[in-house]
């Protein structure tokens, strides 16, 4: 027996999908610009530190936390630079 079609909740039907898509594309391009400015070894280091932290900054030593912050700052600077050029 076929399942009846389920309608989306009203709150999801009211989402301005084209605007959401546009903003998501902007965020993706900014993240991509920031990620590509990092070297392969820096990207590996970011992955290692994020995995080690498991979303909790307290799981990192202060030196690791500072290093992750500096890599994030480098990435964010490139992303901001990329955004102003568009």
Protein backbone atom coordinates (compact mmCIF):
# COMPACT_ATOMS: atom_id res chain seq x y z
CA UNK A 1 0.00 0.00 0.00
CA UNK A 2 1.41 3.42 -0.97
CA UNK A 3 2.20 5.93 1.74
CA UNK A 4 0.14 9.13 1.58
CA UNK A 5 2.09 12.25 0.58
CA UNK A 6 3.21 14.26 3.56
CA UNK A 7 3.17 18.03 3.37
CA UNK A 8 5.97 20.19 4.68
CA UNK A 9 5.20 22.00 7.94
CA UNK A 10 4.01 25.57 7.44
CA UNK A 11 7.23 26.96 8.94
CA UNK A 12 9.27 25.25 6.18
CA UNK A 13 6.95 26.40 3.45
CA UNK A 14 7.50 30.01 4.58
CA UNK A 15 11.31 29.84 4.28
CA UNK A 16 12.56 32.19 1.54
CA UNK A 17 14.42 29.41 -0.30
CA UNK A 18 16.04 31.54 -3.03
CA UNK A 19 17.49 33.88 -0.39
CA UNK A 20 18.71 30.95 1.69
CA UNK A 21 20.37 29.41 -1.37
CA UNK A 22 22.08 32.72 -2.24
CA UNK A 23 23.42 33.21 1.26
CA UNK A 24 24.58 29.60 1.52
CA UNK A 25 26.51 30.04 -1.74
CA UNK A 26 28.18 33.15 -0.34
CA UNK A 27 29.18 31.35 2.85
CA UNK A 28 30.52 28.40 0.86
CA UNK A 29 32.68 30.64 -1.33
CA UNK A 30 34.07 32.43 1.72
CA UNK A 31 34.90 29.15 3.45
CA UNK A 32 36.48 27.81 0.28
CA UNK A 33 38.65 30.93 -0.10
CA UNK A 34 39.81 30.62 3.50
CA UNK A 35 40.52 26.90 3.24
CA UNK A 36 42.50 27.13 0.02
CA UNK A 37 44.84 29.79 1.41
CA UNK A 38 46.12 27.25 3.94
CA UNK A 39 48.95 24.91 2.95
CA UNK A 40 48.40 21.15 2.91
CA UNK A 41 50.25 20.78 6.22
CA UNK A 42 48.20 23.58 7.79
CA UNK A 43 44.96 21.95 6.64
CA UNK A 44 46.08 18.65 8.13
CA UNK A 45 46.92 20.44 11.36
CA UNK A 46 43.49 22.11 11.47
CA UNK A 47 41.79 18.74 10.91
CA UNK A 48 43.89 17.13 13.65
CA UNK A 49 43.17 19.92 16.16
CA UNK A 50 39.44 20.06 15.41
CA UNK A 51 39.20 16.28 15.70
CA UNK A 52 41.13 16.35 18.98
CA UNK A 53 38.94 19.10 20.43
CA UNK A 54 35.71 17.23 19.57
CA UNK A 55 33.99 20.62 19.60
CA UNK A 56 35.24 21.48 23.07
CA UNK A 57 38.03 24.06 23.26
CA UNK A 58 38.98 22.76 26.72
CA UNK A 59 40.20 19.53 25.11
CA UNK A 60 43.13 21.43 23.57
CA UNK A 61 46.21 22.72 25.33
CA UNK A 62 46.63 26.50 25.36
CA UNK A 63 49.37 26.22 22.71
CA UNK A 64 47.12 24.10 20.47
CA UNK A 65 44.24 26.49 20.99
CA UNK A 66 46.42 29.48 20.03
CA UNK A 67 47.68 27.64 16.94
CA UNK A 68 44.15 26.78 15.83
CA UNK A 69 43.15 30.39 16.40
CA UNK A 70 46.03 31.69 14.30
CA UNK A 71 45.15 29.30 11.46
CA UNK A 72 41.50 30.37 11.69
CA UNK A 73 42.58 34.03 11.58
CA UNK A 74 44.69 33.40 8.49
CA UNK A 75 41.75 31.67 6.84
CA UNK A 76 39.25 34.36 7.87
CA UNK A 77 41.49 37.13 6.53
CA UNK A 78 41.63 35.44 3.13
CA UNK A 79 37.86 34.89 3.18
CA UNK A 80 37.22 38.55 4.04
CA UNK A 81 39.62 39.69 1.32
CA UNK A 82 37.81 37.46 -1.18
CA UNK A 83 34.41 38.85 -0.14
CA UNK A 84 35.43 42.48 -0.72
CA UNK A 85 36.61 41.69 -4.26
CA UNK A 86 33.23 40.31 -5.38
